[in-house]
């Protein structure tokens, strides 16, 4: 039942895409000296993505299964909301609205943040969260309007839990790619403008930035229900011949009911490339078969952890120490026996 509900959620969700600037979610990307971001390893990215997808599923438990007190990501966010102040300050509104977005409570975000539009000095983060909420409701015109309002504001100079260089990179991603993606999403949502033969989202134009994969990962984490962004990320992996990552990502897109011919072609290419990769046996050394075929026998058991030479030195010292202590003990016993009663 839960799996079916999750599939329905993924299939019916609007494709919201905008920056979430949460003081409770540190930026997971490492920024290089040149200002570009290093992509997350696939296992780290999937963990973060799965947490955010689960938080949007209304029947996902707030406590990890099999435990009584370990909260899930959804539970952590829900607890923060329960403890939120009734009259939040502007700074508190940033974290509060971000948490509401993570749980899919878009209408509450709209009620909370719409009055802030009339502020003399509107907050960029609040306007982007408001745009995200309108996008989540499928109101692309208002989402684009609020995005435009945010571009007229001074961007934030700090965000709790996020380093300055990480914030600058997040702002660059948000200000460069959010608005054109919303325009494309609005076109896809309208049956009159929707292309008959959809292609992979053209977010970057003719020239890919050096951190295109990290950018796509960030946008997926901002909009975890958007299957088209997964298609974009998978195609970037495929272009770089990262077949394991490409297949895993595009397989997630297939599970979300992407069936377009060009998507199926990308998925098939990734599957073919993945099938040719060396297989890994996680119960042995964790190395590919080509490495495991080394003719020299590998030590097992204790000698897989400690070299035989090291073991001989340690064991020899231990034996000497035991013999010395035994000799001392024997000497003490003999002396006692020689003493007169």
Protein backbone atom coordinates (compact mmCIF):
# COMPACT_ATOMS: atom_id res chain seq x y z
CA UNK A 1 0.00 0.00 0.00
CA UNK A 2 2.77 2.44 0.91
CA UNK A 3 4.67 1.69 -2.31
CA UNK A 4 1.53 2.31 -4.38
CA UNK A 5 0.91 5.59 -2.57
CA UNK A 6 4.47 6.70 -3.22
CA UNK A 7 4.22 5.87 -6.93
CA UNK A 8 0.98 7.86 -7.12
CA UNK A 9 2.68 10.76 -5.38
CA UNK A 10 5.58 10.73 -7.82
CA UNK A 11 3.37 10.39 -10.86
CA UNK A 12 0.97 13.22 -9.95
CA UNK A 13 3.28 15.75 -8.34
CA UNK A 14 3.89 19.14 -9.96
CA UNK A 15 7.46 19.69 -11.12
CA UNK A 16 8.42 22.48 -8.74
CA UNK A 17 11.97 23.75 -9.07
CA UNK A 18 13.39 26.60 -7.03
CA UNK A 19 15.99 27.18 -4.39
CA UNK A 20 15.38 26.15 -0.80
CA UNK A 21 17.58 28.15 1.56
CA UNK A 22 17.23 26.38 4.89
CA UNK A 23 19.37 27.17 7.93
CA UNK A 24 18.63 23.61 9.04
CA UNK A 25 20.06 21.93 5.91
CA UNK A 26 23.78 22.55 5.44
CA UNK A 27 24.87 22.57 1.81
CA UNK A 28 26.25 19.07 1.07
CA UNK A 29 28.50 20.18 -1.81
CA UNK A 30 32.21 20.87 -1.53
CA UNK A 31 33.21 24.00 -3.42
CA UNK A 32 36.54 24.11 -5.25
CA UNK A 33 38.77 27.22 -5.23
CA UNK A 34 37.48 28.18 -8.69
CA UNK A 35 33.89 28.37 -7.37
CA UNK A 36 32.64 25.14 -8.94
CA UNK A 37 31.09 22.32 -6.92
CA UNK A 38 32.20 18.73 -6.73
CA UNK A 39 29.38 16.25 -7.42
CA UNK A 40 28.13 14.11 -4.58
CA UNK A 41 28.94 10.39 -4.66
CA UNK A 42 25.93 8.44 -5.87
CA UNK A 43 25.26 6.77 -2.51
CA UNK A 44 25.28 10.12 -0.68
CA UNK A 45 23.07 11.75 -3.30
CA UNK A 46 20.55 8.89 -3.21
CA UNK A 47 20.37 8.99 0.58
CA UNK A 48 19.56 12.72 0.54
CA UNK A 49 17.09 12.32 -2.32
CA UNK A 50 15.26 9.38 -0.76
CA UNK A 51 14.92 11.27 2.53
CA UNK A 52 13.34 14.23 0.76
CA UNK A 53 11.00 12.12 -1.34
CA UNK A 54 9.87 10.19 1.74
CA UNK A 55 9.21 13.44 3.62
CA UNK A 56 6.72 14.46 0.91
CA UNK A 57 4.84 11.15 1.18
CA UNK A 58 1.96 11.71 3.63
CA UNK A 59 2.05 8.13 4.95
CA UNK A 60 5.80 7.92 5.58
CA UNK A 61 6.38 7.37 9.33
CA UNK A 62 8.22 10.00 11.36
CA UNK A 63 10.10 7.32 13.32
CA UNK A 64 12.48 4.88 11.65
CA UNK A 65 10.94 1.39 11.40
CA UNK A 66 12.10 -0.97 14.13
CA UNK A 67 12.97 1.81 16.57
CA UNK A 68 11.07 3.72 19.19
CA UNK A 69 12.95 7.02 19.28
CA UNK A 70 15.07 7.51 16.13
CA UNK A 71 13.31 10.06 13.89
CA UNK A 72 13.42 10.02 10.10
CA UNK A 73 14.28 13.14 8.10
CA UNK A 74 10.55 13.77 7.93
CA UNK A 75 10.28 13.36 11.70
CA UNK A 76 13.11 15.81 12.33
CA UNK A 77 11.45 18.42 10.13
CA UNK A 78 8.04 17.77 11.71
CA UNK A 79 9.46 18.22 15.23
CA UNK A 80 10.99 21.56 14.28
CA UNK A 81 7.61 22.70 12.97
CA UNK A 82 5.87 21.68 16.19
CA UNK A 83 8.33 23.79 18.16
CA UNK A 84 8.21 26.78 15.80
CA UNK A 85 7.26 30.16 17.31
CA UNK A 86 3.72 31.37 16.70
CA UNK A 87 4.96 34.79 15.63
CA UNK A 88 8.23 34.10 13.81
CA UNK A 89 10.74 36.76 12.96
CA UNK A 90 11.90 37.18 9.37
CA UNK A 91 14.96 35.04 10.05
CA UNK A 92 12.79 32.34 11.63
CA UNK A 93 10.42 32.49 8.65
CA UNK A 94 13.26 31.31 6.39
CA UNK A 95 13.69 28.05 8.26
CA UNK A 96 9.97 27.66 8.93
CA UNK A 97 8.96 28.05 5.28
CA UNK A 98 11.75 25.72 4.17
CA UNK A 99 10.50 23.03 6.55
CA UNK A 100 6.92 23.47 5.34
CA UNK A 101 8.11 23.04 1.75
CA UNK A 102 9.96 19.85 2.68
CA UNK A 103 6.68 18.37 3.93
CA UNK A 104 4.70 19.57 0.90
CA UNK A 105 2.63 22.09 2.89
CA UNK A 106 2.67 24.66 0.10
CA UNK A 107 -0.57 26.41 1.04
CA UNK A 108 0.74 27.18 4.50
CA UNK A 109 3.88 28.65 2.93
CA UNK A 110 1.73 30.90 0.72
CA UNK A 111 -0.33 32.07 3.71
CA UNK A 112 2.80 32.73 5.76
CA UNK A 113 4.90 34.51 3.15
CA UNK A 114 2.49 36.39 0.90
CA UNK A 115 2.28 39.35 3.34
CA UNK A 116 6.07 39.73 3.17
CA UNK A 117 5.83 40.82 -0.48
CA UNK A 118 4.77 44.27 0.72
CA UNK A 119 7.84 44.70 2.94
CA UNK A 120 10.04 47.68 2.18
CA UNK A 121 13.04 45.37 1.97
CA UNK A 122 11.78 41.92 0.82
CA UNK A 123 13.91 38.89 1.58
CA UNK A 124 15.28 36.99 -1.43
CA UNK A 125 15.01 33.64 0.37
CA UNK A 126 11.39 34.17 1.36
CA UNK A 127 10.41 35.19 -2.17
CA UNK A 128 12.06 32.07 -3.60
CA UNK A 129 10.29 29.89 -1.04
CA UNK A 130 7.03 31.56 -2.01
CA UNK A 131 7.80 30.88 -5.67
CA UNK A 132 8.48 27.25 -4.80
CA UNK A 133 5.13 26.99 -3.02
CA UNK A 134 3.24 28.42 -6.01
CA UNK A 135 5.09 26.02 -8.30
CA UNK A 136 4.13 23.16 -5.99
CA UNK A 137 0.51 24.20 -6.44
CA UNK A 138 0.95 24.23 -10.22
CA UNK A 139 0.58 28.04 -10.46
CA UNK A 140 3.53 28.68 -12.73
CA UNK A 141 2.62 32.27 -13.57
CA UNK A 142 2.74 33.33 -9.92
CA UNK A 143 5.86 31.21 -9.36
CA UNK A 144 7.63 33.05 -12.18
CA UNK A 145 6.41 36.41 -10.91
CA UNK A 146 7.83 35.78 -7.44
CA UNK A 147 11.08 34.57 -8.97
CA UNK A 148 11.28 37.85 -10.86
CA UNK A 149 10.61 39.76 -7.64
CA UNK A 150 13.46 37.89 -5.96
CA UNK A 151 15.88 38.83 -8.73
CA UNK A 152 15.23 42.49 -7.90
CA UNK A 153 16.32 41.90 -4.29
CA UNK A 154 19.79 41.84 -2.86
CA UNK A 155 20.80 38.19 -2.40
CA UNK A 156 21.59 36.99 1.12
CA UNK A 157 25.17 37.24 2.30
CA UNK A 158 24.95 34.49 4.91
CA UNK A 159 22.96 31.40 5.77
CA UNK A 160 23.33 29.53 9.05
CA UNK A 161 25.09 26.20 8.65
CA UNK A 162 26.36 27.01 5.15
CA UNK A 163 29.81 28.32 4.26
CA UNK A 164 30.01 31.60 2.30
CA UNK A 165 31.42 29.91 -0.81
CA UNK A 166 28.62 27.30 -0.67
CA UNK A 167 25.97 30.01 -0.41
CA UNK A 168 27.44 31.86 -3.37
CA UNK A 169 27.34 28.68 -5.44
CA UNK A 170 23.74 27.95 -4.40
CA UNK A 171 22.73 31.48 -5.38
CA UNK A 172 24.46 31.13 -8.73
CA UNK A 173 22.58 27.90 -9.42
CA UNK A 174 19.28 29.40 -8.30
CA UNK A 175 19.61 32.69 -10.18
CA UNK A 176 20.93 31.06 -13.37
CA UNK A 177 18.80 27.94 -13.79
CA UNK A 178 15.56 28.23 -11.78
CA UNK A 179 13.69 30.71 -13.95
CA UNK A 180 14.36 29.02 -17.34
CA UNK A 181 13.45 25.67 -15.82
CA UNK A 182 10.18 27.09 -14.54
CA UNK A 183 9.42 28.43 -18.01
CA UNK A 184 10.00 24.95 -19.46
CA UNK A 185 7.92 23.36 -16.69
CA UNK A 186 5.04 25.73 -17.40
CA UNK A 187 5.17 24.76 -21.08
CA UNK A 188 5.17 21.06 -20.20
CA UNK A 189 2.18 21.54 -17.88
CA UNK A 190 0.07 23.07 -20.65
CA UNK A 191 -1.34 20.49 -23.09
CA UNK A 192 -1.35 23.14 -25.82
CA UNK A 193 2.37 23.90 -25.52
CA UNK A 194 3.63 20.49 -24.41
CA UNK A 195 5.96 18.99 -27.06
CA UNK A 196 4.69 15.83 -28.69
CA UNK A 197 8.14 14.24 -28.47
CA UNK A 198 9.77 15.46 -25.20
CA UNK A 199 13.54 15.61 -25.07
CA UNK A 200 15.95 15.66 -22.15
CA UNK A 201 15.60 19.05 -20.42
CA UNK A 202 17.90 21.59 -22.08
CA UNK A 203 19.05 23.46 -19.01
CA UNK A 204 22.64 24.31 -19.87
CA UNK A 205 22.55 25.23 -23.54
CA UNK A 206 25.36 24.27 -25.91
CA UNK A 207 28.22 24.46 -23.41
CA UNK A 208 28.13 22.47 -20.22
CA UNK A 209 29.56 24.09 -17.09
CA UNK A 210 32.34 22.05 -15.44
CA UNK A 211 30.08 21.29 -12.47
CA UNK A 212 26.97 20.42 -14.49
CA UNK A 213 26.42 17.17 -12.57
CA UNK A 214 26.58 18.92 -9.20
CA UNK A 215 24.17 21.59 -10.46
CA UNK A 216 21.70 18.95 -11.62
CA UNK A 217 22.04 17.12 -8.30
CA UNK A 218 21.27 20.32 -6.40
CA UNK A 219 18.19 21.02 -8.49
CA UNK A 220 16.93 17.47 -7.93
CA UNK A 221 17.39 17.90 -4.17
CA UNK A 222 15.46 21.16 -4.36
CA UNK A 223 12.67 19.51 -6.35
CA UNK A 224 12.85 15.80 -5.41
CA UNK A 225 9.61 14.81 -7.18
CA UNK A 226 10.68 16.13 -10.57
CA UNK A 227 11.34 13.09 -12.76
CA UNK A 228 12.56 15.26 -15.66
CA UNK A 229 15.41 16.56 -13.53
CA UNK A 230 16.42 12.96 -12.87
CA UNK A 231 16.44 12.44 -16.63
CA UNK A 232 18.72 15.46 -16.98
CA UNK A 233 21.10 14.15 -14.31
CA UNK A 234 21.14 10.66 -15.81
CA UNK A 235 21.93 12.03 -19.26
CA UNK A 236 24.87 14.00 -17.83
CA UNK A 237 26.26 10.85 -16.24
CA UNK A 238 25.79 9.04 -19.53
CA UNK A 239 27.65 11.72 -21.46
CA UNK A 240 30.64 11.24 -19.17
CA UNK A 241 30.48 7.42 -19.50
CA UNK A 242 29.60 7.04 -15.81
CA UNK A 243 27.37 4.11 -16.63
CA UNK A 244 26.67 2.87 -13.10
CA UNK A 245 25.48 6.31 -12.01
CA UNK A 246 23.60 6.86 -15.27
CA UNK A 247 21.75 3.55 -15.09
CA UNK A 248 20.82 3.95 -11.44
CA UNK A 249 19.50 7.49 -11.99
CA UNK A 250 17.61 6.72 -15.19
CA UNK A 251 16.16 3.60 -13.60
CA UNK A 252 14.63 5.89 -10.97
CA UNK A 253 13.14 7.91 -13.83
CA UNK A 254 11.70 4.74 -15.35
CA UNK A 255 10.13 3.85 -11.99
CA UNK A 256 8.51 7.27 -12.04
CA UNK A 257 6.77 6.38 -15.31
CA UNK A 258 9.00 8.24 -17.78
CA UNK A 259 8.32 6.47 -21.08
CA UNK A 260 9.28 8.98 -23.79
CA UNK A 261 11.19 7.39 -26.70
CA UNK A 262 14.31 9.52 -26.13
CA UNK A 263 14.27 8.67 -22.44
CA UNK A 264 14.02 4.96 -23.26
CA UNK A 265 17.00 5.35 -25.61
CA UNK A 266 19.09 6.95 -22.84
CA UNK A 267 18.00 4.27 -20.39
CA UNK A 268 18.94 1.49 -22.83
CA UNK A 269 22.37 3.03 -23.49
CA UNK A 270 23.04 3.32 -19.76
CA UNK A 271 21.89 -0.25 -19.17
CA UNK A 272 24.18 -1.55 -21.93
CA UNK A 273 27.17 0.36 -20.57
CA UNK A 274 26.44 -0.76 -17.03
CA UNK A 275 26.25 -4.43 -18.10
CA UNK A 276 29.79 -4.21 -19.48
CA UNK A 277 31.32 -2.92 -16.25
CA UNK A 278 33.39 -5.31 -14.11
CA UNK A 279 31.25 -6.97 -11.49
CA UNK A 280 31.98 -6.44 -7.81
CA UNK A 281 31.55 -9.10 -5.12
CA UNK A 282 30.76 -7.23 -1.89
CA UNK A 283 31.36 -10.37 0.17
CA UNK A 284 34.96 -10.72 -0.95
CA UNK A 285 37.42 -7.86 -1.37
CA UNK A 286 34.99 -5.37 -2.88
CA UNK A 287 37.25 -5.14 -5.95
CA UNK A 288 36.27 -5.77 -9.59
CA UNK A 289 36.75 -9.25 -11.03
CA UNK A 290 39.74 -8.07 -13.05
CA UNK A 291 41.53 -7.23 -9.82
CA UNK A 292 40.40 -10.38 -8.03
CA UNK A 293 42.04 -12.53 -10.72
CA UNK A 294 45.51 -11.72 -9.33
CA UNK A 295 47.42 -15.07 -9.40
CA UNK A 296 49.08 -14.33 -6.05
CA UNK A 297 46.95 -15.80 -3.26
CA UNK A 298 45.44 -13.20 -0.95
CA UNK A 299 45.80 -13.68 2.82
CA UNK A 300 42.62 -14.45 4.66
CA UNK A 301 41.45 -14.36 8.27
CA UNK A 302 43.77 -12.53 10.66
CA UNK A 303 46.47 -12.06 8.00
CA UNK A 304 44.00 -10.12 5.85
CA UNK A 305 44.20 -7.41 8.54
CA UNK A 306 47.80 -7.81 9.82
CA UNK A 307 50.85 -8.66 7.71
CA UNK A 308 52.52 -11.98 8.68
CA UNK A 309 55.79 -10.15 9.49
CA UNK A 310 54.00 -7.76 11.83
CA UNK A 311 52.18 -10.63 13.48
CA UNK A 312 55.46 -12.49 14.07
CA UNK A 313 57.04 -9.47 15.78
CA UNK A 314 54.03 -8.82 18.00
CA UNK A 315 53.53 -12.50 18.86
CA UNK A 316 57.23 -12.98 19.58
CA UNK A 317 57.26 -10.06 21.98
CA UNK A 318 54.18 -11.38 23.69
CA UNK A 319 55.75 -14.82 24.17
CA UNK A 320 58.95 -13.33 25.62
CA UNK A 321 56.93 -11.24 28.06
CA UNK A 322 54.92 -14.28 29.18
CA UNK A 323 58.08 -16.35 29.71
CA UNK A 324 59.72 -13.58 31.71
CA UNK A 325 56.70 -13.18 33.97
CA UNK A 326 56.53 -16.95 34.43
CA UNK A 327 60.21 -17.10 35.43
CA UNK A 328 59.73 -14.34 37.99
CA UNK A 329 56.72 -16.11 39.44
CA UNK A 330 58.68 -19.39 39.75
CA UNK A 331 61.54 -17.57 41.49
CA UNK A 332 59.14 -16.04 44.03
CA UNK A 333 57.63 -19.44 44.81
CA UNK A 334 61.07 -21.01 45.39
CA UNK A 335 62.11 -18.20 47.74
CA UNK A 336 58.98 -18.68 49.81
CA UNK A 337 59.67 -22.39 50.16
CA UNK A 338 63.25 -21.75 51.35
CA UNK A 339 62.16 -19.43 54.14
CA UNK A 340 62.02 -21.07 57.60
CA UNK A 341 58.57 -21.53 59.06
